[in-house]
Amino acid sequence: MIEFERSQRQRKIEPTKRRCHRCHGQGRCACHACGGTGKVVTSRDVMKGPEMGRCTACFGNKTRRCPNCGGEGFVT
């Protein structure tokens, strides 16, 4: 009986992983800096119109690694 109790204590229960609610399991989210467009306003021209440039947060890729799951797609 004592052996059975020891084996039960030694067995570790692994936490269940759930799909990330923020990225829906993909591991990537829309960039928060550019809103998923890949471009941001870098300056204004002579006519006060915006000059667009590549987003420095996502480097123009439009998505970033999910901050909630770290890009894994699952959380514990």
Protein backbone atom coordinates (compact mmCIF):
# COMPACT_ATOMS: atom_id res chain seq x y z
CA MET A 1 0.00 0.00 0.00
CA ILE A 2 2.83 2.36 0.79
CA GLU A 3 4.38 1.79 -2.65
CA PHE A 4 1.12 2.75 -4.34
CA GLU A 5 0.93 6.02 -2.37
CA ARG A 6 4.53 6.88 -3.30
CA SER A 7 3.89 6.28 -6.98
CA GLN A 8 0.83 8.51 -6.85
CA ARG A 9 2.80 11.34 -5.22
CA GLN A 10 5.67 11.05 -7.70
CA ARG A 11 3.43 11.22 -10.77
CA LYS A 12 3.37 14.78 -12.04
CA ILE A 13 0.28 16.23 -13.63
CA GLU A 14 1.06 18.34 -16.67
CA PRO A 15 -0.97 21.53 -17.06
CA THR A 16 -3.38 21.53 -19.95
CA LYS A 17 -2.67 23.92 -22.78
CA ARG A 18 -5.45 26.02 -24.25
CA ARG A 19 -5.49 27.86 -27.55
CA CYS A 20 -4.54 31.53 -27.13
CA HIS A 21 -7.60 33.78 -27.16
CA ARG A 22 -5.71 36.77 -28.56
CA CYS A 23 -4.15 35.21 -31.68
CA HIS A 24 -6.57 32.23 -31.97
CA GLY A 25 -3.70 29.75 -31.95
CA GLN A 26 -1.75 31.30 -34.83
CA GLY A 27 1.02 32.86 -32.71
CA ARG A 28 0.84 36.16 -34.67
CA CYS A 29 -1.29 39.27 -34.08
CA ALA A 30 -1.85 42.45 -36.04
CA CYS A 31 0.81 45.05 -35.31
CA HIS A 32 -0.35 47.56 -32.71
CA ALA A 33 1.83 50.40 -34.05
CA CYS A 34 0.53 50.44 -37.64
CA GLY A 35 -2.80 48.71 -37.11
CA GLY A 36 -1.88 45.90 -39.49
CA THR A 37 -1.15 48.11 -42.51
CA GLY A 38 2.65 47.87 -42.46
CA LYS A 39 3.02 51.63 -42.96
CA VAL A 40 3.17 54.60 -40.60
CA VAL A 41 3.34 58.36 -41.08
CA THR A 42 7.02 59.33 -40.98
CA SER A 43 6.76 63.05 -41.77
CA ARG A 44 4.73 65.68 -43.59
CA ASP A 45 5.46 67.08 -47.04
CA VAL A 46 5.30 70.74 -48.14
CA MET A 47 1.53 70.58 -48.68
CA LYS A 48 1.05 69.09 -45.17
CA GLY A 49 0.24 65.69 -46.64
CA PRO A 50 1.51 62.58 -44.86
CA GLU A 51 4.61 60.78 -46.07
CA MET A 52 4.29 57.09 -45.38
CA GLY A 53 7.15 54.81 -44.45
CA ARG A 54 7.68 51.23 -43.36
CA CYS A 55 6.54 50.43 -39.81
CA THR A 56 9.51 50.06 -37.46
CA ALA A 57 7.64 47.80 -35.04
CA CYS A 58 6.74 45.02 -37.52
CA PHE A 59 9.19 45.98 -40.31
CA GLY A 60 6.31 46.15 -42.78
CA ASN A 61 5.15 42.56 -42.17
CA LYS A 62 1.79 43.73 -40.74
CA THR A 63 1.93 41.18 -37.91
CA ARG A 64 3.97 40.66 -34.78
CA ARG A 65 4.51 37.79 -32.38
CA CYS A 66 1.57 37.47 -30.00
CA PRO A 67 2.43 39.08 -26.64
CA ASN A 68 0.00 36.83 -24.78
CA CYS A 69 1.42 33.43 -25.75
CA GLY A 70 4.85 34.53 -26.98
CA GLY A 71 4.22 33.20 -30.47
CA GLU A 72 3.50 29.65 -29.35
CA GLY A 73 -0.24 29.77 -30.01
CA PHE A 74 -1.12 28.08 -26.73
CA VAL A 75 -1.27 29.21 -23.10
CA THR A 76 -1.27 27.14 -19.93
